């Protein structure tokens, strides 16, 4: 297993030999680390992560809730994820048109 440069828990799943794995393959990670909740898992090796933030509206003196969705690559060594699981993702090179992040750790479920 390779050191990815971030303090994360060791993945417990099996590696399928794919080069797009930060722990066993050659995928390099850089940039921002984001925590979010898995919203869907419809694509092959890809999950959609949602992160909610609040923003203050000065004109109305209230807060508004905003949601940002990220498509992230799911390595096979991380294991299965289900909607509602908390995960951490980290930026990587573009793997497809929308996938620019990779799941690095499963934190638990809500």
PDB file of N, CA and C in Angstrom:
ATOM      1  N   UNK A   1       0.841  -1.182   0.000  1.00  0.00           N
ATOM      2  CA  UNK A   1       0.000   0.000   0.000  1.00  0.00           C
ATOM      3  C   UNK A   1       0.886   1.245   0.000  1.00  0.00           C
ATOM      4  N   UNK A   2       0.472   2.230  -0.774  1.00  0.00           N
ATOM      5  CA  UNK A   2       1.227   3.460  -0.962  1.00  0.00           C
ATOM      6  C   UNK A   2       0.730   4.543  -0.008  1.00  0.00           C
ATOM      7  N   UNK A   3       1.622   5.430   0.439  1.00  0.00           N
ATOM      8  CA  UNK A   3       1.246   6.563   1.282  1.00  0.00           C
ATOM      9  C   UNK A   3       0.729   7.679   0.378  1.00  0.00           C
ATOM     10  N   UNK A   4      -0.510   8.152   0.642  1.00  0.00           N
ATOM     11  CA  UNK A   4      -1.099   9.185  -0.211  1.00  0.00           C
ATOM     12  C   UNK A   4      -0.832  10.587   0.311  1.00  0.00           C
ATOM     13  N   UNK A   5      -0.165  10.733   1.447  1.00  0.00           N
ATOM     14  CA  UNK A   5       0.197  12.035   1.977  1.00  0.00           C
ATOM     15  C   UNK A   5      -0.833  12.646   2.900  1.00  0.00           C
ATOM     16  N   UNK A   6      -1.922  11.926   3.186  1.00  0.00           N
ATOM     17  CA  UNK A   6      -2.981  12.404   4.070  1.00  0.00           C
ATOM     18  C   UNK A   6      -3.221  11.331   5.117  1.00  0.00           C
ATOM     19  N   UNK A   7      -3.490  11.753   6.351  1.00  0.00           N
ATOM     20  CA  UNK A   7      -3.735  10.804   7.424  1.00  0.00           C
ATOM     21  C   UNK A   7      -5.166  10.265   7.318  1.00  0.00           C
ATOM     22  N   UNK A   8      -5.315   9.057   6.764  1.00  0.00           N
ATOM     23  CA  UNK A   8      -6.626   8.420   6.605  1.00  0.00           C
ATOM     24  C   UNK A   8      -6.546   6.987   7.120  1.00  0.00           C
ATOM     25  N   UNK A   9      -7.727   6.405   7.371  1.00  0.00           N
ATOM     26  CA  UNK A   9      -7.776   5.003   7.777  1.00  0.00           C
ATOM     27  C   UNK A   9      -7.425   4.109   6.605  1.00  0.00           C
ATOM     28  N   UNK A  10      -6.809   2.974   6.895  1.00  0.00           N
ATOM     29  CA  UNK A  10      -6.412   2.021   5.866  1.00  0.00           C
ATOM     30  C   UNK A  10      -7.658   1.373   5.257  1.00  0.00           C
ATOM     31  N   UNK A  11      -7.769   1.314   3.912  1.00  0.00           N
ATOM     32  CA  UNK A  11      -8.946   0.672   3.312  1.00  0.00           C
ATOM     33  C   UNK A  11      -8.934  -0.833   3.554  1.00  0.00           C
ATOM     34  N   UNK A  12     -10.130  -1.394   3.801  1.00  0.00           N
ATOM     35  CA  UNK A  12     -10.198  -2.816   4.164  1.00  0.00           C
ATOM     36  C   UNK A  12     -10.595  -3.717   3.004  1.00  0.00           C
ATOM     37  N   UNK A  13     -10.975  -3.157   1.871  1.00  0.00           N
ATOM     38  CA  UNK A  13     -11.428  -3.968   0.739  1.00  0.00           C
ATOM     39  C   UNK A  13     -10.282  -4.516  -0.089  1.00  0.00           C
ATOM     40  N   UNK A  14     -10.638  -5.309  -1.088  1.00  0.00           N
ATOM     41  CA  UNK A  14      -9.664  -5.905  -2.004  1.00  0.00           C
ATOM     42  C   UNK A  14      -9.450  -4.982  -3.200  1.00  0.00           C
ATOM     43  N   UNK A  15      -8.220  -4.982  -3.731  1.00  0.00           N
ATOM     44  CA  UNK A  15      -7.875  -4.183  -4.898  1.00  0.00           C
ATOM     45  C   UNK A  15      -8.066  -5.015  -6.146  1.00  0.00           C
ATOM     46  N   UNK A  16      -8.692  -4.435  -7.191  1.00  0.00           N
ATOM     47  CA  UNK A  16      -8.979  -5.190  -8.410  1.00  0.00           C
ATOM     48  C   UNK A  16      -7.916  -5.024  -9.487  1.00  0.00           C
ATOM     49  N   UNK A  17      -6.842  -4.305  -9.221  1.00  0.00           N
ATOM     50  CA  UNK A  17      -5.778  -4.123 -10.198  1.00  0.00           C
ATOM     51  C   UNK A  17      -5.913  -2.862 -11.024  1.00  0.00           C
ATOM     52  N   UNK A  18      -6.875  -2.019 -10.722  1.00  0.00           N
ATOM     53  CA  UNK A  18      -7.082  -0.787 -11.483  1.00  0.00           C
ATOM     54  C   UNK A  18      -5.989   0.222 -11.157  1.00  0.00           C
ATOM     55  N   UNK A  19      -5.526   0.957 -12.177  1.00  0.00           N
ATOM     56  CA  UNK A  19      -4.497   1.970 -11.931  1.00  0.00           C
ATOM     57  C   UNK A  19      -5.073   3.243 -11.327  1.00  0.00           C
ATOM     58  N   UNK A  20      -6.414   3.419 -11.360  1.00  0.00           N
ATOM     59  CA  UNK A  20      -7.052   4.605 -10.793  1.00  0.00           C
ATOM     60  C   UNK A  20      -7.392   4.396  -9.319  1.00  0.00           C
ATOM     61  N   UNK A  21      -6.417   3.995  -8.539  1.00  0.00           N
ATOM     62  CA  UNK A  21      -6.561   3.816  -7.096  1.00  0.00           C
ATOM     63  C   UNK A  21      -5.429   4.577  -6.419  1.00  0.00           C
ATOM     64  N   UNK A  22      -5.748   5.479  -5.472  1.00  0.00           N
ATOM     65  CA  UNK A  22      -4.668   6.234  -4.820  1.00  0.00           C
ATOM     66  C   UNK A  22      -3.829   5.399  -3.858  1.00  0.00           C
ATOM     67  N   UNK A  23      -4.355   4.283  -3.370  1.00  0.00           N
ATOM     68  CA  UNK A  23      -3.650   3.480  -2.380  1.00  0.00           C
ATOM     69  C   UNK A  23      -2.772   2.402  -3.014  1.00  0.00           C
ATOM     70  N   UNK A  24      -3.242   1.754  -4.072  1.00  0.00           N
ATOM     71  CA  UNK A  24      -2.491   0.662  -4.691  1.00  0.00           C
ATOM     72  C   UNK A  24      -2.089   0.961  -6.129  1.00  0.00           C
ATOM     73  N   UNK A  25      -2.792   1.860  -6.800  1.00  0.00           N
ATOM     74  CA  UNK A  25      -2.509   2.192  -8.190  1.00  0.00           C
ATOM     75  C   UNK A  25      -1.577   3.387  -8.315  1.00  0.00           C
ATOM     76  N   UNK A  26      -1.735   4.136  -9.418  1.00  0.00           N
ATOM     77  CA  UNK A  26      -0.844   5.253  -9.700  1.00  0.00           C
ATOM     78  C   UNK A  26      -1.547   6.608  -9.673  1.00  0.00           C
ATOM     79  N   UNK A  27      -2.780   6.675  -9.166  1.00  0.00           N
ATOM     80  CA  UNK A  27      -3.524   7.928  -9.129  1.00  0.00           C
ATOM     81  C   UNK A  27      -2.960   8.844  -8.048  1.00  0.00           C
ATOM     82  N   UNK A  28      -2.550  10.043  -8.449  1.00  0.00           N
ATOM     83  CA  UNK A  28      -2.000  11.026  -7.511  1.00  0.00           C
ATOM     84  C   UNK A  28      -3.110  11.958  -7.031  1.00  0.00           C
ATOM     85  N   UNK A  29      -3.078  12.308  -5.754  1.00  0.00           N
ATOM     86  CA  UNK A  29      -4.067  13.208  -5.170  1.00  0.00           C
ATOM     87  C   UNK A  29      -3.400  14.519  -4.812  1.00  0.00           C
ATOM     88  N   UNK A  30      -4.168  15.623  -4.951  1.00  0.00           N
ATOM     89  CA  UNK A  30      -3.661  16.946  -4.601  1.00  0.00           C
ATOM     90  C   UNK A  30      -4.849  17.840  -4.317  1.00  0.00           C
ATOM     91  N   UNK A  31      -4.602  19.015  -3.801  1.00  0.00           N
ATOM     92  CA  UNK A  31      -5.665  20.003  -3.667  1.00  0.00           C
ATOM     93  C   UNK A  31      -6.530  19.828  -2.433  1.00  0.00           C
ATOM     94  N   UNK A  32      -7.806  20.156  -2.592  1.00  0.00           N
ATOM     95  CA  UNK A  32      -8.705  20.250  -1.453  1.00  0.00           C
ATOM     96  C   UNK A  32      -9.248  18.903  -0.991  1.00  0.00           C
ATOM     97  N   UNK A  33      -9.556  18.840   0.311  1.00  0.00           N
ATOM     98  CA  UNK A  33     -10.198  17.680   0.928  1.00  0.00           C
ATOM     99  C   UNK A  33     -11.584  18.125   1.366  1.00  0.00           C
ATOM    100  N   UNK A  34     -12.608  17.387   0.971  1.00  0.00           N
ATOM    101  CA  UNK A  34     -13.994  17.765   1.225  1.00  0.00           C
ATOM    102  C   UNK A  34     -14.700  16.620   1.924  1.00  0.00           C
ATOM    103  N   UNK A  35     -15.487  16.944   2.949  1.00  0.00           N
ATOM    104  CA  UNK A  35     -16.342  15.961   3.615  1.00  0.00           C
ATOM    105  C   UNK A  35     -17.767  16.155   3.137  1.00  0.00           C
ATOM    106  N   UNK A  36     -18.461  15.045   2.910  1.00  0.00           N
ATOM    107  CA  UNK A  36     -19.841  15.133   2.455  1.00  0.00           C
ATOM    108  C   UNK A  36     -20.578  13.834   2.682  1.00  0.00           C
ATOM    109  N   UNK A  37     -21.809  13.778   2.174  1.00  0.00           N
ATOM    110  CA  UNK A  37     -22.687  12.625   2.337  1.00  0.00           C
ATOM    111  C   UNK A  37     -22.963  12.036   0.965  1.00  0.00           C
ATOM    112  N   UNK A  38     -22.911  10.716   0.857  1.00  0.00           N
ATOM    113  CA  UNK A  38     -23.212  10.049  -0.411  1.00  0.00           C
ATOM    114  C   UNK A  38     -24.694  10.216  -0.711  1.00  0.00           C
ATOM    115  N   UNK A  39     -24.996  10.728  -1.913  1.00  0.00           N
ATOM    116  CA  UNK A  39     -26.403  10.903  -2.269  1.00  0.00           C
ATOM    117  C   UNK A  39     -26.878   9.824  -3.229  1.00  0.00           C
ATOM    118  N   UNK A  40     -26.030   9.382  -4.167  1.00  0.00           N
ATOM    119  CA  UNK A  40     -26.446   8.313  -5.074  1.00  0.00           C
ATOM    120  C   UNK A  40     -25.218   7.563  -5.571  1.00  0.00           C
ATOM    121  N   UNK A  41     -25.470   6.350  -6.070  1.00  0.00           N
ATOM    122  CA  UNK A  41     -24.401   5.502  -6.583  1.00  0.00           C
ATOM    123  C   UNK A  41     -24.928   4.778  -7.817  1.00  0.00           C
ATOM    124  N   UNK A  42     -25.208   5.515  -8.875  1.00  0.00           N
ATOM    125  CA  UNK A  42     -25.795   4.921 -10.062  1.00  0.00           C
ATOM    126  C   UNK A  42     -24.797   4.551 -11.129  1.00  0.00           C
ATOM    127  N   UNK A  43     -23.608   5.166 -11.110  1.00  0.00           N
ATOM    128  CA  UNK A  43     -22.624   4.946 -12.154  1.00  0.00           C
ATOM    129  C   UNK A  43     -21.619   3.880 -11.736  1.00  0.00           C
ATOM    130  N   UNK A  44     -20.861   3.379 -12.685  1.00  0.00           N
ATOM    131  CA  UNK A  44     -19.841   2.384 -12.409  1.00  0.00           C
ATOM    132  C   UNK A  44     -18.639   3.060 -11.771  1.00  0.00           C
ATOM    133  N   UNK A  45     -18.237   2.607 -10.590  1.00  0.00           N
ATOM    134  CA  UNK A  45     -17.075   3.116  -9.852  1.00  0.00           C
ATOM    135  C   UNK A  45     -17.165   4.605  -9.543  1.00  0.00           C
ATOM    136  N   UNK A  46     -18.358   5.168  -9.490  1.00  0.00           N
ATOM    137  CA  UNK A  46     -18.529   6.597  -9.225  1.00  0.00           C
ATOM    138  C   UNK A  46     -19.694   6.798  -8.276  1.00  0.00           C
ATOM    139  N   UNK A  47     -19.527   7.725  -7.329  1.00  0.00           N
ATOM    140  CA  UNK A  47     -20.607   8.092  -6.423  1.00  0.00           C
ATOM    141  C   UNK A  47     -20.791   9.607  -6.490  1.00  0.00           C
ATOM    142  N   UNK A  48     -21.976  10.067  -6.087  1.00  0.00           N
ATOM    143  CA  UNK A  48     -22.268  11.493  -6.036  1.00  0.00           C
ATOM    144  C   UNK A  48     -22.299  11.910  -4.570  1.00  0.00           C
ATOM    145  N   UNK A  49     -21.512  12.921  -4.229  1.00  0.00           N
ATOM    146  CA  UNK A  49     -21.383  13.416  -2.865  1.00  0.00           C
ATOM    147  C   UNK A  49     -22.067  14.774  -2.783  1.00  0.00           C
ATOM    148  N   UNK A  50     -22.868  14.984  -1.731  1.00  0.00           N
ATOM    149  CA  UNK A  50     -23.514  16.279  -1.512  1.00  0.00           C
ATOM    150  C   UNK A  50     -22.940  16.930  -0.268  1.00  0.00           C
ATOM    151  N   UNK A  51     -22.755  18.258  -0.347  1.00  0.00           N
ATOM    152  CA  UNK A  51     -22.284  19.033   0.786  1.00  0.00           C
ATOM    153  C   UNK A  51     -23.152  20.277   0.913  1.00  0.00           C
ATOM    154  N   UNK A  52     -23.774  20.462   2.078  1.00  0.00           N
ATOM    155  CA  UNK A  52     -24.637  21.611   2.296  1.00  0.00           C
ATOM    156  C   UNK A  52     -23.870  22.700   3.050  1.00  0.00           C
ATOM    157  N   UNK A  53     -24.060  23.942   2.621  1.00  0.00           N
ATOM    158  CA  UNK A  53     -23.467  25.091   3.280  1.00  0.00           C
ATOM    159  C   UNK A  53     -24.546  26.141   3.503  1.00  0.00           C
ATOM    160  N   UNK A  54     -24.323  27.021   4.464  1.00  0.00           N
ATOM    161  CA  UNK A  54     -25.252  28.122   4.686  1.00  0.00           C
ATOM    162  C   UNK A  54     -24.564  29.421   4.299  1.00  0.00           C
ATOM    163  N   UNK A  55     -25.339  30.338   3.737  1.00  0.00           N
ATOM    164  CA  UNK A  55     -24.815  31.617   3.269  1.00  0.00           C
ATOM    165  C   UNK A  55     -25.714  32.714   3.809  1.00  0.00           C
ATOM    166  N   UNK A  56     -25.113  33.752   4.339  1.00  0.00           N
ATOM    167  CA  UNK A  56     -25.879  34.850   4.920  1.00  0.00           C
ATOM    168  C   UNK A  56     -26.300  35.817   3.821  1.00  0.00           C
ATOM    169  N   UNK A  57     -27.612  36.140   3.773  1.00  0.00           N
ATOM    170  CA  UNK A  57     -28.151  37.107   2.826  1.00  0.00           C
ATOM    171  C   UNK A  57     -28.322  38.427   3.573  1.00  0.00           C
ATOM    172  N   UNK A  58     -27.458  39.397   3.278  1.00  0.00           N
ATOM    173  CA  UNK A  58     -27.448  40.640   4.035  1.00  0.00           C
ATOM    174  C   UNK A  58     -28.722  41.452   3.799  1.00  0.00           C
ATOM    175  N   UNK A  59     -29.244  41.420   2.586  1.00  0.00           N
ATOM    176  CA  UNK A  59     -30.438  42.214   2.275  1.00  0.00           C
ATOM    177  C   UNK A  59     -31.646  41.765   3.089  1.00  0.00           C
ATOM    178  N   UNK A  60     -31.801  40.452   3.249  1.00  0.00           N
ATOM    179  CA  UNK A  60     -32.959  39.912   3.951  1.00  0.00           C
ATOM    180  C   UNK A  60     -32.671  39.529   5.393  1.00  0.00           C
ATOM    181  N   UNK A  61     -31.415  39.655   5.815  1.00  0.00           N
ATOM    182  CA  UNK A  61     -30.966  39.323   7.156  1.00  0.00           C
ATOM    183  C   UNK A  61     -31.342  37.900   7.558  1.00  0.00           C
ATOM    184  N   UNK A  62     -31.136  36.982   6.627  1.00  0.00           N
ATOM    185  CA  UNK A  62     -31.417  35.572   6.857  1.00  0.00           C
ATOM    186  C   UNK A  62     -30.319  34.723   6.205  1.00  0.00           C
ATOM    187  N   UNK A  63     -30.358  33.444   6.554  1.00  0.00           N
ATOM    188  CA  UNK A  63     -29.421  32.502   5.967  1.00  0.00           C
ATOM    189  C   UNK A  63     -30.140  31.682   4.905  1.00  0.00           C
ATOM    190  N   UNK A  64     -29.410  31.337   3.840  1.00  0.00           N
ATOM    191  CA  UNK A  64     -29.948  30.432   2.844  1.00  0.00           C
ATOM    192  C   UNK A  64     -29.078  29.178   2.800  1.00  0.00           C
ATOM    193  N   UNK A  65     -29.698  28.076   2.467  1.00  0.00           N
ATOM    194  CA  UNK A  65     -29.006  26.803   2.418  1.00  0.00           C
ATOM    195  C   UNK A  65     -28.649  26.499   0.965  1.00  0.00           C
ATOM    196  N   UNK A  66     -27.400  26.172   0.715  1.00  0.00           N
ATOM    197  CA  UNK A  66     -26.951  25.831  -0.630  1.00  0.00           C
ATOM    198  C   UNK A  66     -26.377  24.424  -0.619  1.00  0.00           C
ATOM    199  N   UNK A  67     -26.584  23.710  -1.714  1.00  0.00           N
ATOM    200  CA  UNK A  67     -26.091  22.344  -1.842  1.00  0.00           C
ATOM    201  C   UNK A  67     -25.165  22.261  -3.040  1.00  0.00           C
ATOM    202  N   UNK A  68     -24.001  21.654  -2.839  1.00  0.00           N
ATOM    203  CA  UNK A  68     -23.054  21.433  -3.924  1.00  0.00           C
ATOM    204  C   UNK A  68     -22.885  19.928  -4.087  1.00  0.00           C
ATOM    205  N   UNK A  69     -22.934  19.462  -5.334  1.00  0.00           N
ATOM    206  CA  UNK A  69     -22.798  18.035  -5.633  1.00  0.00           C
ATOM    207  C   UNK A  69     -21.485  17.785  -6.362  1.00  0.00           C
ATOM    208  N   UNK A  70     -20.773  16.746  -5.934  1.00  0.00           N
ATOM    209  CA  UNK A  70     -19.498  16.367  -6.533  1.00  0.00           C
ATOM    210  C   UNK A  70     -19.592  14.923  -7.009  1.00  0.00           C
ATOM    211  N   UNK A  71     -19.128  14.658  -8.225  1.00  0.00           N
ATOM    212  CA  UNK A  71     -18.965  13.283  -8.688  1.00  0.00           C
ATOM    213  C   UNK A  71     -17.564  12.843  -8.296  1.00  0.00           C
ATOM    214  N   UNK A  72     -17.458  11.685  -7.654  1.00  0.00           N
ATOM    215  CA  UNK A  72     -16.165  11.221  -7.157  1.00  0.00           C
ATOM    216  C   UNK A  72     -15.951   9.763  -7.537  1.00  0.00           C
ATOM    217  N   UNK A  73     -14.711   9.432  -7.881  1.00  0.00           N
ATOM    218  CA  UNK A  73     -14.332   8.057  -8.199  1.00  0.00           C
ATOM    219  C   UNK A  73     -14.301   7.226  -6.917  1.00  0.00           C
ATOM    220  N   UNK A  74     -14.847   6.021  -6.971  1.00  0.00           N
ATOM    221  CA  UNK A  74     -14.857   5.121  -5.820  1.00  0.00           C
ATOM    222  C   UNK A  74     -13.931   3.941  -6.092  1.00  0.00           C
ATOM    223  N   UNK A  75     -12.725   3.913  -5.476  1.00  0.00           N
ATOM    224  CA  UNK A  75     -11.829   2.768  -5.658  1.00  0.00           C
ATOM    225  C   UNK A  75     -12.437   1.509  -5.044  1.00  0.00           C
ATOM    226  N   UNK A  76     -12.110   0.355  -5.607  1.00  0.00           N
ATOM    227  CA  UNK A  76     -12.670  -0.901  -5.116  1.00  0.00           C
ATOM    228  C   UNK A  76     -12.136  -1.253  -3.734  1.00  0.00           C
ATOM    229  N   UNK A  77     -10.969  -0.737  -3.352  1.00  0.00           N
ATOM    230  CA  UNK A  77     -10.408  -1.064  -2.039  1.00  0.00           C
ATOM    231  C   UNK A  77     -11.157  -0.353  -0.905  1.00  0.00           C
ATOM    232  N   UNK A  78     -11.919   0.703  -1.195  1.00  0.00           N
ATOM    233  CA  UNK A  78     -12.724   1.379  -0.171  1.00  0.00           C
ATOM    234  C   UNK A  78     -13.905   0.508   0.225  1.00  0.00           C
ATOM    235  N   UNK A  79     -14.482  -0.216  -0.727  1.00  0.00           N
ATOM    236  CA  UNK A  79     -15.625  -1.073  -0.435  1.00  0.00           C
ATOM    237  C   UNK A  79     -16.923  -0.451  -0.901  1.00  0.00           C
ATOM    238  N   UNK A  80     -18.017  -1.036  -0.460  1.00  0.00           N
ATOM    239  CA  UNK A  80     -19.339  -0.562  -0.867  1.00  0.00           C
ATOM    240  C   UNK A  80     -19.766   0.642  -0.034  1.00  0.00           C
ATOM    241  N   UNK A  81     -20.436   1.582  -0.683  1.00  0.00           N
ATOM    242  CA  UNK A  81     -21.021   2.735  -0.011  1.00  0.00           C
ATOM    243  C   UNK A  81     -22.511   2.746  -0.298  1.00  0.00           C
ATOM    244  N   UNK A  82     -23.268   3.232   0.639  1.00  0.00           N
ATOM    245  CA  UNK A  82     -24.708   3.361   0.441  1.00  0.00           C
ATOM    246  C   UNK A  82     -25.099   4.812   0.689  1.00  0.00           C
ATOM    247  N   UNK A  83     -26.220   5.274   0.133  1.00  0.00           N
ATOM    248  CA  UNK A  83     -26.648   6.648   0.366  1.00  0.00           C
ATOM    249  C   UNK A  83     -26.809   6.934   1.856  1.00  0.00           C
ATOM    250  N   UNK A  84     -26.258   8.057   2.286  1.00  0.00           N
ATOM    251  CA  UNK A  84     -26.284   8.432   3.691  1.00  0.00           C
ATOM    252  C   UNK A  84     -24.942   8.269   4.385  1.00  0.00           C
ATOM    253  N   UNK A  85     -23.981   7.583   3.754  1.00  0.00           N
ATOM    254  CA  UNK A  85     -22.656   7.407   4.363  1.00  0.00           C
ATOM    255  C   UNK A  85     -21.861   8.705   4.276  1.00  0.00           C
ATOM    256  N   UNK A  86     -21.149   9.038   5.351  1.00  0.00           N
ATOM    257  CA  UNK A  86     -20.253  10.192   5.356  1.00  0.00           C
ATOM    258  C   UNK A  86     -18.908   9.760   4.818  1.00  0.00           C
ATOM    259  N   UNK A  87     -18.358  10.529   3.869  1.00  0.00           N
ATOM    260  CA  UNK A  87     -17.081  10.203   3.253  1.00  0.00           C
ATOM    261  C   UNK A  87     -16.233  11.460   3.135  1.00  0.00           C
ATOM    262  N   UNK A  88     -14.943  11.249   2.900  1.00  0.00           N
ATOM    263  CA  UNK A  88     -14.016  12.329   2.579  1.00  0.00           C
ATOM    264  C   UNK A  88     -13.514  12.098   1.171  1.00  0.00           C
ATOM    265  N   UNK A  89     -13.492  13.167   0.373  1.00  0.00           N
ATOM    266  CA  UNK A  89     -12.987  13.077  -0.990  1.00  0.00           C
ATOM    267  C   UNK A  89     -11.842  14.061  -1.153  1.00  0.00           C
ATOM    268  N   UNK A  90     -10.962  13.760  -2.107  1.00  0.00           N
ATOM    269  CA  UNK A  90      -9.811  14.620  -2.359  1.00  0.00           C
ATOM    270  C   UNK A  90      -9.656  14.821  -3.854  1.00  0.00           C
ATOM    271  N   UNK A  91      -9.160  15.976  -4.229  1.00  0.00           N
ATOM    272  CA  UNK A  91      -9.035  16.340  -5.630  1.00  0.00           C
ATOM    273  C   UNK A  91      -7.954  15.506  -6.310  1.00  0.00           C
ATOM    274  N   UNK A  92      -8.185  15.174  -7.577  1.00  0.00           N
ATOM    275  CA  UNK A  92      -7.217  14.438  -8.376  1.00  0.00           C
ATOM    276  C   UNK A  92      -7.283  14.976  -9.810  1.00  0.00           C
ATOM    277  N   UNK A  93      -6.552  14.352 -10.709  1.00  0.00           N
ATOM    278  CA  UNK A  93      -6.624  14.761 -12.114  1.00  0.00           C
ATOM    279  C   UNK A  93      -8.000  14.397 -12.664  1.00  0.00           C
ATOM    280  N   UNK A  94      -8.445  15.045 -13.750  1.00  0.00           N
ATOM    281  CA  UNK A  94      -9.761  14.688 -14.310  1.00  0.00           C
ATOM    282  C   UNK A  94      -9.767  13.247 -14.826  1.00  0.00           C
ATOM    283  N   UNK A  95     -10.697  12.442 -14.307  1.00  0.00           N
ATOM    284  CA  UNK A  95     -10.836  11.060 -14.744  1.00  0.00           C
ATOM    285  C   UNK A  95     -11.900  10.927 -15.833  1.00  0.00           C
ATOM    286  N   UNK A  96     -12.817  11.881 -15.909  1.00  0.00           N
ATOM    287  CA  UNK A  96     -13.824  11.931 -16.971  1.00  0.00           C
ATOM    288  C   UNK A  96     -14.312  13.375 -17.054  1.00  0.00           C
ATOM    289  N   UNK A  97     -15.415  13.582 -17.756  1.00  0.00           N
ATOM    290  CA  UNK A  97     -15.926  14.941 -17.921  1.00  0.00           C
ATOM    291  C   UNK A  97     -16.317  15.573 -16.586  1.00  0.00           C
ATOM    292  N   UNK A  98     -16.924  14.803 -15.685  1.00  0.00           N
ATOM    293  CA  UNK A  98     -17.406  15.364 -14.426  1.00  0.00           C
ATOM    294  C   UNK A  98     -16.628  14.891 -13.202  1.00  0.00           C
ATOM    295  N   UNK A  99     -15.848  13.830 -13.300  1.00  0.00           N
ATOM    296  CA  UNK A  99     -15.166  13.250 -12.134  1.00  0.00           C
ATOM    297  C   UNK A  99     -13.782  13.852 -11.982  1.00  0.00           C
ATOM    298  N   UNK A 100     -13.618  14.661 -10.920  1.00  0.00           N
ATOM    299  CA  UNK A 100     -12.336  15.283 -10.621  1.00  0.00           C
ATOM    300  C   UNK A 100     -11.934  15.082  -9.163  1.00  0.00           C
ATOM    301  N   UNK A 101     -12.644  14.209  -8.464  1.00  0.00           N
ATOM    302  CA  UNK A 101     -12.362  13.888  -7.063  1.00  0.00           C
ATOM    303  C   UNK A 101     -12.320  12.380  -6.888  1.00  0.00           C
ATOM    304  N   UNK A 102     -11.710  11.928  -5.789  1.00  0.00           N
ATOM    305  CA  UNK A 102     -11.611  10.504  -5.478  1.00  0.00           C
ATOM    306  C   UNK A 102     -11.925  10.311  -3.994  1.00  0.00           C
ATOM    307  N   UNK A 103     -12.688   9.266  -3.680  1.00  0.00           N
ATOM    308  CA  UNK A 103     -13.017   8.954  -2.284  1.00  0.00           C
ATOM    309  C   UNK A 103     -11.767   8.400  -1.611  1.00  0.00           C
ATOM    310  N   UNK A 104     -11.419   8.977  -0.443  1.00  0.00           N
ATOM    311  CA  UNK A 104     -10.229   8.505   0.258  1.00  0.00           C
ATOM    312  C   UNK A 104     -10.551   7.848   1.597  1.00  0.00           C
ATOM    313  N   UNK A 105     -11.758   8.092   2.132  1.00  0.00           N
ATOM    314  CA  UNK A 105     -12.058   7.513   3.436  1.00  0.00           C
ATOM    315  C   UNK A 105     -13.573   7.482   3.661  1.00  0.00           C
ATOM    316  N   UNK A 106     -14.023   6.390   4.260  1.00  0.00           N
ATOM    317  CA  UNK A 106     -15.418   6.281   4.688  1.00  0.00           C
ATOM    318  C   UNK A 106     -15.456   6.588   6.177  1.00  0.00           C
ATOM    319  N   UNK A 107     -16.222   7.645   6.558  1.00  0.00           N
ATOM    320  CA  UNK A 107     -16.237   8.089   7.946  1.00  0.00           C
ATOM    321  C   UNK A 107     -17.321   7.431   8.765  1.00  0.00           C
ATOM    322  N   UNK A 108     -18.364   6.906   8.151  1.00  0.00           N
ATOM    323  CA  UNK A 108     -19.477   6.321   8.873  1.00  0.00           C
ATOM    324  C   UNK A 108     -20.781   6.717   8.221  1.00  0.00           C
ATOM    325  N   UNK A 109     -21.895   6.468   8.878  1.00  0.00           N
ATOM    326  CA  UNK A 109     -23.201   6.829   8.323  1.00  0.00           C
ATOM    327  C   UNK A 109     -23.936   7.739   9.290  1.00  0.00           C
ATOM    328  N   UNK A 110     -24.910   8.481   8.756  1.00  0.00           N
ATOM    329  CA  UNK A 110     -25.683   9.426   9.568  1.00  0.00           C
ATOM    330  C   UNK A 110     -26.635   8.707  10.479  1.00  0.00           C
TER     331      UNK A 110
END
